[in-house]
């Protein structure tokens, strides 16, 4: 296919800013349809993608697109993606793939039976710190990795009313465990493999959705991952710290690509994409010795070109949806570990 017609379901932060702008910067893709009933978002769509048509529901879109992007609230992910699969339309689902591992597994099996390509938008695999860490691992710079520490910590002590992620219970798709926890677990498992056991604490400090968590994962490879996500962290730690037998790697600050997209930028706009500012502090540490590193550029812009290539060639999608099922199994184990004050063993 010469040009892939893309429909986006949901036009909030994820649909408009992340998917819409990355697609706009991807040669060979064109956003032609968006499902949103909100008048303000329809006005934004007219500015962002003047040729795109706004629809009230997904049924009207499926016959006119070559690829569907699901950027709805989490509780709708599996239902909307299943409708695309049943219509034979390849689909990208924002993370998490579903609210439960069982629903995610059923969706992947449905897509496999139908022969419809399905993938998950785990964009933070292409963060600058993750790509830099991969370079260090491939080059043997850290030696044997013992511990991987990863954080998404923020200070938002006042609950934001009206935002479903902060108010809905986990069963309805809300909370940090399904949101940032999906990124944290996926990054760790993508780097260090399947998980054997899980422990941790998952809390709702502000009295609504889960907003403060720490997870301890033991990978079958022997690496221990410590993962934090919080909306109520008054003293955030470094974004990433990885400890090995020969050296450690520290990245102080969060990847800059989200801020770039929020500011209205997109890949291919004539400015370098994904370059980490010098103050982000990527260091190779050996005790008091700190070697500054030039980080790899972040590459969220690689996701959609990989999707388009898979559609053209019939090759694999950039994220295996079974990885998303495994992530949800780990997150459910973490919630159980927290509730029961135990360590949960995962089958392997």
Protein backbone atom coordinates (compact mmCIF):
# COMPACT_ATOMS: atom_id res chain seq x y z
CA UNK A 1 0.00 0.00 0.00
CA UNK A 2 1.34 3.42 -0.97
CA UNK A 3 -0.28 5.36 1.86
CA UNK A 4 -1.73 3.95 5.05
CA UNK A 5 -5.01 5.55 6.08
CA UNK A 6 -5.10 5.75 9.87
CA UNK A 7 -8.05 6.15 12.20
CA UNK A 8 -7.60 7.23 15.81
CA UNK A 9 -10.21 6.39 18.45
CA UNK A 10 -10.01 9.03 21.18
CA UNK A 11 -8.45 12.46 20.73
CA UNK A 12 -7.24 13.44 24.18
CA UNK A 13 -3.60 13.60 25.26
CA UNK A 14 -2.71 10.15 23.91
CA UNK A 15 -4.65 10.32 20.65
CA UNK A 16 -3.88 13.90 19.68
CA UNK A 17 -0.43 14.59 21.13
CA UNK A 18 1.34 11.23 21.15
CA UNK A 19 -0.19 9.23 18.31
CA UNK A 20 -1.41 12.09 16.15
CA UNK A 21 1.86 13.98 16.11
CA UNK A 22 4.04 10.88 15.70
CA UNK A 23 1.85 9.78 12.79
CA UNK A 24 2.05 13.25 11.26
CA UNK A 25 5.82 12.88 11.28
CA UNK A 26 5.76 9.39 9.73
CA UNK A 27 6.11 9.24 5.95
CA UNK A 28 3.55 6.95 4.38
CA UNK A 29 0.84 7.45 7.03
CA UNK A 30 -2.08 9.86 6.97
CA UNK A 31 -4.67 10.41 9.68
CA UNK A 32 -7.98 10.28 7.84
CA UNK A 33 -10.51 9.60 10.60
CA UNK A 34 -10.86 10.28 14.33
CA UNK A 35 -13.55 9.14 16.73
CA UNK A 36 -14.46 11.90 19.17
CA UNK A 37 -17.74 13.56 20.05
CA UNK A 38 -16.16 16.43 21.97
CA UNK A 39 -16.67 19.74 20.07
CA UNK A 40 -13.39 21.19 21.35
CA UNK A 41 -11.43 18.14 20.22
CA UNK A 42 -13.15 18.20 16.85
CA UNK A 43 -11.96 21.79 16.45
CA UNK A 44 -8.41 20.70 17.31
CA UNK A 45 -8.68 17.89 14.75
CA UNK A 46 -9.63 20.38 12.04
CA UNK A 47 -6.43 22.32 12.80
CA UNK A 48 -4.17 19.29 13.19
CA UNK A 49 -5.39 17.11 10.31
CA UNK A 50 -7.61 19.24 8.04
CA UNK A 51 -8.53 16.35 5.73
CA UNK A 52 -9.56 13.98 8.55
CA UNK A 53 -13.22 13.19 9.19
CA UNK A 54 -14.63 13.13 12.73
CA UNK A 55 -16.93 10.25 13.69
CA UNK A 56 -19.19 9.60 16.66
CA UNK A 57 -18.30 5.93 17.00
CA UNK A 58 -15.80 3.37 15.80
CA UNK A 59 -18.26 1.52 13.56
CA UNK A 60 -18.23 4.34 11.03
CA UNK A 61 -14.44 4.34 10.79
CA UNK A 62 -13.59 0.68 10.28
CA UNK A 63 -14.55 0.49 6.62
CA UNK A 64 -12.42 3.47 5.61
CA UNK A 65 -9.00 2.92 7.25
CA UNK A 66 -6.03 0.59 6.88
CA UNK A 67 -4.91 0.91 10.52
CA UNK A 68 -6.79 1.76 13.72
CA UNK A 69 -5.15 3.35 16.76
CA UNK A 70 -6.96 2.85 20.06
CA UNK A 71 -6.30 5.81 22.38
CA UNK A 72 -9.44 5.64 24.51
CA UNK A 73 -9.54 5.38 28.31
CA UNK A 74 -8.06 2.03 29.39
CA UNK A 75 -11.38 0.31 30.09
CA UNK A 76 -12.31 0.57 26.39
CA UNK A 77 -9.04 -0.72 24.93
CA UNK A 78 -9.96 -4.39 24.58
CA UNK A 79 -13.52 -3.76 23.31
CA UNK A 80 -12.49 -1.27 20.61
CA UNK A 81 -9.49 -3.35 19.53
CA UNK A 82 -11.70 -6.45 19.26
CA UNK A 83 -14.06 -4.55 16.94
CA UNK A 84 -11.11 -3.70 14.71
CA UNK A 85 -9.90 -7.30 14.70
CA UNK A 86 -13.37 -8.55 13.80
CA UNK A 87 -13.43 -6.08 10.90
CA UNK A 88 -10.01 -7.26 9.71
CA UNK A 89 -8.34 -3.91 10.44
CA UNK A 90 -4.79 -3.96 11.89
CA UNK A 91 -4.68 -2.21 15.24
CA UNK A 92 -2.31 -0.33 17.54
CA UNK A 93 -3.49 -0.21 21.16
CA UNK A 94 -2.11 2.28 23.62
CA UNK A 95 -0.79 0.67 26.76
CA UNK A 96 -2.11 -1.19 28.69
CA UNK A 97 -3.49 -3.62 26.13
CA UNK A 98 -6.44 -4.28 28.45
CA UNK A 99 -7.41 -3.79 32.08
CA UNK A 100 -6.79 -7.45 32.95
CA UNK A 101 -4.34 -10.07 31.74
CA UNK A 102 -7.26 -12.39 30.92
CA UNK A 103 -8.85 -9.80 28.63
CA UNK A 104 -5.50 -9.06 27.00
CA UNK A 105 -4.85 -12.76 26.41
CA UNK A 106 -8.29 -13.22 24.85
CA UNK A 107 -7.70 -10.26 22.54
CA UNK A 108 -4.31 -11.53 21.34
CA UNK A 109 -5.74 -14.99 20.69
CA UNK A 110 -8.65 -13.41 18.80
CA UNK A 111 -6.25 -11.45 16.59
CA UNK A 112 -4.12 -14.53 15.93
CA UNK A 113 -7.15 -16.60 14.91
CA UNK A 114 -8.28 -13.82 12.57
CA UNK A 115 -4.78 -13.23 11.18
CA UNK A 116 -5.04 -9.51 11.99
CA UNK A 117 -1.85 -7.64 13.01
CA UNK A 118 -2.01 -6.28 16.57
CA UNK A 119 0.60 -4.33 18.51
CA UNK A 120 0.89 -2.19 21.63
CA UNK A 121 2.24 1.35 21.94
CA UNK A 122 5.08 0.73 24.41
CA UNK A 123 6.82 3.88 23.25
CA UNK A 124 9.14 4.13 26.25
CA UNK A 125 11.21 1.22 24.97
CA UNK A 126 12.62 3.96 22.73
CA UNK A 127 13.48 6.45 25.50
CA UNK A 128 16.99 7.87 25.36
CA UNK A 129 17.96 6.19 28.65
CA UNK A 130 16.73 2.77 27.48
CA UNK A 131 18.62 2.98 24.19
CA UNK A 132 21.75 4.23 25.94
CA UNK A 133 21.53 1.40 28.46
CA UNK A 134 21.16 -1.10 25.61
CA UNK A 135 24.34 0.32 24.04
CA UNK A 136 26.19 -0.12 27.33
CA UNK A 137 24.89 -3.66 27.80
CA UNK A 138 25.80 -4.68 24.25
CA UNK A 139 29.28 -3.22 24.75
CA UNK A 140 29.80 -5.01 28.08
CA UNK A 141 30.49 -1.69 29.82
CA UNK A 142 28.61 -2.60 33.01
CA UNK A 143 29.84 -6.16 33.41
CA UNK A 144 27.25 -8.49 34.95
CA UNK A 145 24.11 -6.51 35.77
CA UNK A 146 22.86 -7.08 39.29
CA UNK A 147 20.19 -4.47 39.80
CA UNK A 148 17.99 -2.26 37.61
CA UNK A 149 16.26 0.72 39.26
CA UNK A 150 13.69 2.74 37.34
CA UNK A 151 11.45 5.61 38.47
CA UNK A 152 8.60 7.76 37.25
CA UNK A 153 8.12 9.99 40.30
CA UNK A 154 6.15 13.23 40.45
CA UNK A 155 4.94 15.63 43.13
CA UNK A 156 1.22 16.21 42.71
CA UNK A 157 -0.17 16.10 46.26
CA UNK A 158 -3.55 17.61 45.29
CA UNK A 159 -5.84 15.17 43.54
CA UNK A 160 -6.91 16.36 40.09
CA UNK A 161 -10.69 15.98 39.93
CA UNK A 162 -12.31 14.97 36.68
CA UNK A 163 -9.31 12.99 35.40
CA UNK A 164 -10.20 9.33 35.02
CA UNK A 165 -6.64 8.08 35.55
CA UNK A 166 -6.58 9.69 39.00
CA UNK A 167 -10.10 8.86 40.14
CA UNK A 168 -11.23 5.54 38.67
CA UNK A 169 -10.47 2.27 40.48
CA UNK A 170 -8.13 -0.24 38.91
CA UNK A 171 -11.03 -2.45 37.80
CA UNK A 172 -12.19 0.43 35.60
CA UNK A 173 -8.73 1.18 34.23
CA UNK A 174 -7.58 3.94 36.58
CA UNK A 175 -4.42 4.36 38.63
CA UNK A 176 -0.67 4.45 38.20
CA UNK A 177 -0.12 0.70 38.20
CA UNK A 178 -1.83 0.29 34.83
CA UNK A 179 -0.47 3.62 33.57
CA UNK A 180 3.19 4.19 34.41
CA UNK A 181 3.51 0.70 35.88
CA UNK A 182 2.92 -0.69 32.38
CA UNK A 183 5.93 1.27 31.11
CA UNK A 184 8.15 0.33 34.05
CA UNK A 185 7.45 -3.39 33.86
CA UNK A 186 7.70 -3.48 30.05
CA UNK A 187 11.06 -1.72 30.03
CA UNK A 188 12.49 -4.05 32.67
CA UNK A 189 11.21 -7.19 30.98
CA UNK A 190 12.28 -6.04 27.53
CA UNK A 191 15.82 -5.60 28.83
CA UNK A 192 16.18 -8.50 31.27
CA UNK A 193 13.56 -11.06 30.34
CA UNK A 194 10.68 -12.88 32.04
CA UNK A 195 9.91 -12.43 35.73
CA UNK A 196 10.01 -15.27 38.26
CA UNK A 197 8.67 -13.51 41.37
CA UNK A 198 7.05 -10.23 42.35
CA UNK A 199 6.64 -8.30 45.58
CA UNK A 200 5.89 -4.69 46.44
CA UNK A 201 3.39 -2.12 47.66
CA UNK A 202 0.61 -0.47 45.70
CA UNK A 203 -1.08 2.41 47.54
CA UNK A 204 -3.79 5.04 47.04
CA UNK A 205 -2.28 7.83 49.16
CA UNK A 206 -4.76 10.51 48.07
CA UNK A 207 -7.78 8.30 48.66
CA UNK A 208 -8.76 7.69 45.03
CA UNK A 209 -6.91 5.70 42.36
CA UNK A 210 -3.58 3.94 42.96
CA UNK A 211 -1.00 6.73 43.02
CA UNK A 212 2.12 5.39 44.77
CA UNK A 213 3.86 2.11 44.09
CA UNK A 214 7.14 0.28 44.45
CA UNK A 215 7.65 -3.11 42.83
CA UNK A 216 10.45 -5.65 43.24
CA UNK A 217 10.86 -8.08 40.36
CA UNK A 218 13.26 -11.01 40.20
CA UNK A 219 13.92 -11.92 36.58
CA UNK A 220 14.69 -15.49 35.56
CA UNK A 221 17.97 -14.09 34.27
CA UNK A 222 18.94 -13.27 37.88
CA UNK A 223 18.62 -9.48 37.57
CA UNK A 224 16.62 -7.71 40.29
CA UNK A 225 14.44 -4.80 39.14
CA UNK A 226 13.20 -2.16 41.58
CA UNK A 227 10.48 0.01 40.05
CA UNK A 228 8.84 3.14 41.46
CA UNK A 229 5.92 5.25 40.24
CA UNK A 230 4.36 7.97 42.30
CA UNK A 231 2.24 11.10 42.06
CA UNK A 232 3.06 12.02 45.65
CA UNK A 233 6.86 11.86 45.75
CA UNK A 234 8.24 15.06 47.31
CA UNK A 235 11.86 14.08 46.63
CA UNK A 236 12.13 12.22 43.29
CA UNK A 237 15.13 9.97 42.76
CA UNK A 238 17.15 9.53 39.57
CA UNK A 239 15.16 8.37 36.57
CA UNK A 240 17.38 5.33 36.09
CA UNK A 241 20.19 3.63 38.00
CA UNK A 242 21.66 0.33 36.83
CA UNK A 243 24.33 -1.46 38.87
CA UNK A 244 26.75 -4.00 37.44
CA UNK A 245 29.94 -5.77 38.45
CA UNK A 246 32.15 -3.33 36.49
CA UNK A 247 30.23 -0.03 36.53
CA UNK A 248 26.90 1.65 37.08
CA UNK A 249 24.78 3.77 34.77
CA UNK A 250 22.78 6.77 35.99
CA UNK A 251 20.31 8.91 34.04
CA UNK A 252 19.01 11.72 36.20
CA UNK A 253 16.01 12.99 34.26
CA UNK A 254 13.07 11.76 32.21
CA UNK A 255 13.33 11.45 28.44
CA UNK A 256 12.44 14.72 26.69
CA UNK A 257 10.25 13.40 23.86
CA UNK A 258 6.95 13.73 25.74
CA UNK A 259 7.68 17.38 26.49
CA UNK A 260 8.53 17.96 22.83
CA UNK A 261 5.23 16.49 21.67
CA UNK A 262 3.27 18.42 24.29
CA UNK A 263 4.95 21.60 23.06
CA UNK A 264 3.57 20.96 19.57
CA UNK A 265 6.66 19.47 17.96
CA UNK A 266 6.69 16.37 15.79
CA UNK A 267 9.41 14.26 14.14
CA UNK A 268 10.64 15.65 10.86
CA UNK A 269 9.91 19.28 11.76
CA UNK A 270 13.43 20.37 10.85
CA UNK A 271 14.87 20.17 14.35
CA UNK A 272 16.83 17.25 15.85
CA UNK A 273 14.46 14.74 17.43
CA UNK A 274 14.93 12.92 20.73
CA UNK A 275 18.26 14.54 21.71
CA UNK A 276 18.67 14.62 25.49
CA UNK A 277 19.69 18.01 26.95
CA UNK A 278 23.18 18.03 28.55
CA UNK A 279 21.66 18.66 31.98
CA UNK A 280 19.93 15.29 31.87
CA UNK A 281 23.12 13.87 33.34
CA UNK A 282 23.87 10.48 31.76
CA UNK A 283 26.86 9.08 33.65
CA UNK A 284 28.91 5.90 33.82
CA UNK A 285 29.86 5.60 37.49
CA UNK A 286 32.59 3.67 39.30
CA UNK A 287 32.39 4.90 42.88
CA UNK A 288 33.53 8.55 42.90
CA UNK A 289 34.62 8.33 39.27
CA UNK A 290 31.91 9.66 36.93
CA UNK A 291 32.31 9.49 33.16
CA UNK A 292 29.85 11.69 31.23
CA UNK A 293 28.11 9.82 28.44
CA UNK A 294 26.64 11.03 25.19
CA UNK A 295 23.20 9.42 25.27
CA UNK A 296 21.52 7.83 22.31
CA UNK A 297 18.73 9.99 20.85
CA UNK A 298 15.26 8.92 21.89
CA UNK A 299 13.41 7.23 19.04
CA UNK A 300 9.66 7.28 19.62
CA UNK A 301 9.60 8.26 15.96
CA UNK A 302 10.74 4.72 15.09
CA UNK A 303 7.50 3.09 16.25
CA UNK A 304 5.10 4.00 13.45
CA UNK A 305 7.57 3.49 10.61
CA UNK A 306 8.08 -0.03 12.01
CA UNK A 307 4.31 -0.56 12.07
CA UNK A 308 4.03 0.62 8.46
CA UNK A 309 6.87 -1.66 7.40
CA UNK A 310 5.19 -4.63 9.07
CA UNK A 311 1.93 -3.88 7.24
CA UNK A 312 3.75 -3.67 3.89
CA UNK A 313 5.87 -6.78 4.29
CA UNK A 314 3.85 -8.98 6.61
CA UNK A 315 6.75 -8.94 9.08
CA UNK A 316 6.53 -8.65 12.87
CA UNK A 317 5.05 -5.61 14.55
CA UNK A 318 7.45 -3.54 16.71
CA UNK A 319 5.95 -4.79 20.00
CA UNK A 320 4.78 -8.38 20.39
CA UNK A 321 1.31 -8.19 22.01
CA UNK A 322 2.15 -11.24 24.12
CA UNK A 323 4.69 -9.00 25.87
CA UNK A 324 1.78 -6.81 26.96
CA UNK A 325 -0.03 -9.85 28.35
CA UNK A 326 3.07 -10.75 30.38
CA UNK A 327 3.28 -7.17 31.69
CA UNK A 328 -0.31 -7.33 32.93
CA UNK A 329 0.39 -10.66 34.62
CA UNK A 330 3.26 -9.02 36.50
CA UNK A 331 1.12 -6.01 37.47
CA UNK A 332 -1.65 -8.25 38.76
CA UNK A 333 0.91 -10.22 40.74
CA UNK A 334 2.19 -6.95 42.22
CA UNK A 335 -1.30 -5.93 43.34
CA UNK A 336 -1.82 -9.36 44.91
CA UNK A 337 1.59 -9.19 46.61
CA UNK A 338 0.67 -5.81 48.08
CA UNK A 339 -2.78 -6.91 49.23
CA UNK A 340 -1.56 -10.16 50.79
CA UNK A 341 1.86 -8.92 52.00
CA UNK A 342 3.59 -11.77 50.24
CA UNK A 343 5.90 -12.69 47.38
CA UNK A 344 4.08 -13.99 44.33
CA UNK A 345 5.72 -16.67 42.22
CA UNK A 346 4.97 -16.58 38.50
CA UNK A 347 4.75 -19.80 36.46
CA UNK A 348 7.62 -20.32 34.09
